[in-house]
Amino acid sequence: FYFLLFSLCFFILFFFFIFLFLFSLFFCLFFFFFFFKQKTAYEMLRSLVGSEMCIRDRNEIFITSKLWNSEHDPEHVKPALELTLKELQVEYLDLYLSLIHI
């Protein structure tokens, strides 16, 4: 009887910790993908450019950005691109995506 009780408790704790691990992993991924701002990405890239261990020049990296769905009108594209360039503090983008969700 005690063996069955111990086994049941073990499996309950085991699945609880698996659930806790998966929940924390999901939270970390959610935080990373949905709250990662362009300025944070720029600060990370700026710290790499010119450092001795990594990137020495802007030409060694490929910078991509995306046009927001609310900015697809022709008169909104150029200001949106200029805002992105200003936020990233770069002179040009290598790729500017314009995706329309259907």
Protein backbone atom coordinates (compact mmCIF):
# COMPACT_ATOMS: atom_id res chain seq x y z
CA PHE A 1 0.00 0.00 0.00
CA TYR A 2 2.78 2.45 0.90
CA PHE A 3 4.56 1.66 -2.34
CA LEU A 4 1.45 2.61 -4.35
CA LEU A 5 0.99 5.78 -2.34
CA PHE A 6 4.65 6.71 -2.85
CA SER A 7 4.40 5.97 -6.59
CA LEU A 8 1.28 8.10 -6.92
CA CYS A 9 2.91 11.01 -5.10
CA PHE A 10 6.03 10.66 -7.22
CA PHE A 11 4.06 10.79 -10.48
CA ILE A 12 1.98 13.75 -9.30
CA LEU A 13 5.11 15.70 -8.39
CA PHE A 14 6.86 14.63 -11.57
CA PHE A 15 4.04 15.90 -13.81
CA PHE A 16 3.68 19.04 -11.73
CA PHE A 17 7.35 19.90 -12.29
CA ILE A 18 7.06 19.11 -16.00
CA PHE A 19 4.05 21.43 -16.19
CA LEU A 20 5.95 24.11 -14.29
CA PHE A 21 8.95 23.79 -16.61
CA LEU A 22 6.80 24.01 -19.77
CA PHE A 23 4.87 26.97 -18.38
CA SER A 24 8.08 28.86 -17.58
CA LEU A 25 9.51 28.01 -21.02
CA PHE A 26 6.35 29.29 -22.70
CA PHE A 27 6.46 32.48 -20.63
CA CYS A 28 10.10 33.13 -21.57
CA LEU A 29 9.41 32.58 -25.27
CA PHE A 30 6.32 34.77 -25.12
CA PHE A 31 8.27 37.52 -23.41
CA PHE A 32 11.14 37.29 -25.90
CA PHE A 33 9.09 37.23 -29.10
CA PHE A 34 6.32 39.65 -28.21
CA PHE A 35 8.14 42.25 -26.14
CA PHE A 36 11.46 42.42 -27.98
CA LYS A 37 11.61 46.00 -29.23
CA GLN A 38 13.60 47.43 -32.13
CA LYS A 39 15.61 49.70 -29.87
CA THR A 40 16.67 46.74 -27.78
CA ALA A 41 17.75 44.96 -30.95
CA TYR A 42 19.62 48.06 -32.05
CA GLU A 43 21.42 48.38 -28.70
CA MET A 44 22.42 44.73 -28.93
CA LEU A 45 23.73 45.17 -32.48
CA ARG A 46 25.50 48.42 -31.59
CA SER A 47 27.37 46.64 -28.80
CA LEU A 48 28.49 43.98 -31.29
CA VAL A 49 29.57 46.35 -34.08
CA GLY A 50 33.09 47.50 -33.40
CA SER A 51 33.75 45.03 -30.61
CA GLU A 52 36.88 42.96 -30.90
CA MET A 53 35.13 39.60 -30.74
CA CYS A 54 32.38 39.96 -33.31
CA ILE A 55 31.27 42.35 -36.04
CA ARG A 56 33.67 45.00 -37.28
CA ASP A 57 31.57 46.74 -39.92
CA ARG A 58 27.90 47.39 -40.77
CA ASN A 59 28.35 45.52 -44.05
CA GLU A 60 28.83 42.27 -42.14
CA ILE A 61 25.25 42.22 -40.85
CA PHE A 62 21.94 41.92 -42.71
CA ILE A 63 19.21 44.06 -41.14
CA THR A 64 15.58 43.25 -41.88
CA SER A 65 12.47 45.06 -40.72
CA LYS A 66 8.76 44.73 -41.40
CA LEU A 67 6.12 47.23 -42.43
CA TRP A 68 3.25 47.24 -39.94
CA ASN A 69 -0.12 46.12 -41.29
CA SER A 70 -1.68 49.50 -40.52
CA GLU A 71 0.91 51.27 -42.73
CA HIS A 72 0.21 49.66 -46.13
CA ASP A 73 -1.33 52.76 -47.70
CA PRO A 74 1.15 54.28 -50.18
CA GLU A 75 1.32 57.59 -48.30
CA HIS A 76 2.20 55.81 -45.03
CA VAL A 77 5.05 53.61 -46.28
CA LYS A 78 7.80 56.23 -46.53
CA PRO A 79 7.15 57.78 -43.07
CA ALA A 80 7.04 54.28 -41.54
CA LEU A 81 10.36 53.41 -43.17
CA GLU A 82 11.93 56.68 -42.01
CA LEU A 83 10.70 56.01 -38.45
CA THR A 84 12.21 52.52 -38.52
CA LEU A 85 15.55 53.88 -39.78
CA LYS A 86 15.50 56.53 -37.06
CA GLU A 87 14.69 54.01 -34.30
CA LEU A 88 17.39 51.60 -35.47
CA GLN A 89 19.81 54.47 -36.09
CA VAL A 90 20.98 53.08 -39.43
CA GLU A 91 21.18 54.63 -42.88
CA TYR A 92 19.59 51.74 -44.78
CA LEU A 93 17.87 48.38 -44.38
CA ASP A 94 18.92 45.35 -46.36
CA LEU A 95 15.35 44.02 -46.52
CA TYR A 96 12.04 45.72 -45.76
CA LEU A 97 9.18 43.25 -45.64
CA SER A 98 5.64 44.17 -46.57
CA LEU A 99 3.38 41.26 -45.65
CA ILE A 100 -0.37 41.15 -46.09
CA HIS A 101 -2.20 38.55 -44.02
CA ILE A 102 -5.06 36.86 -45.79
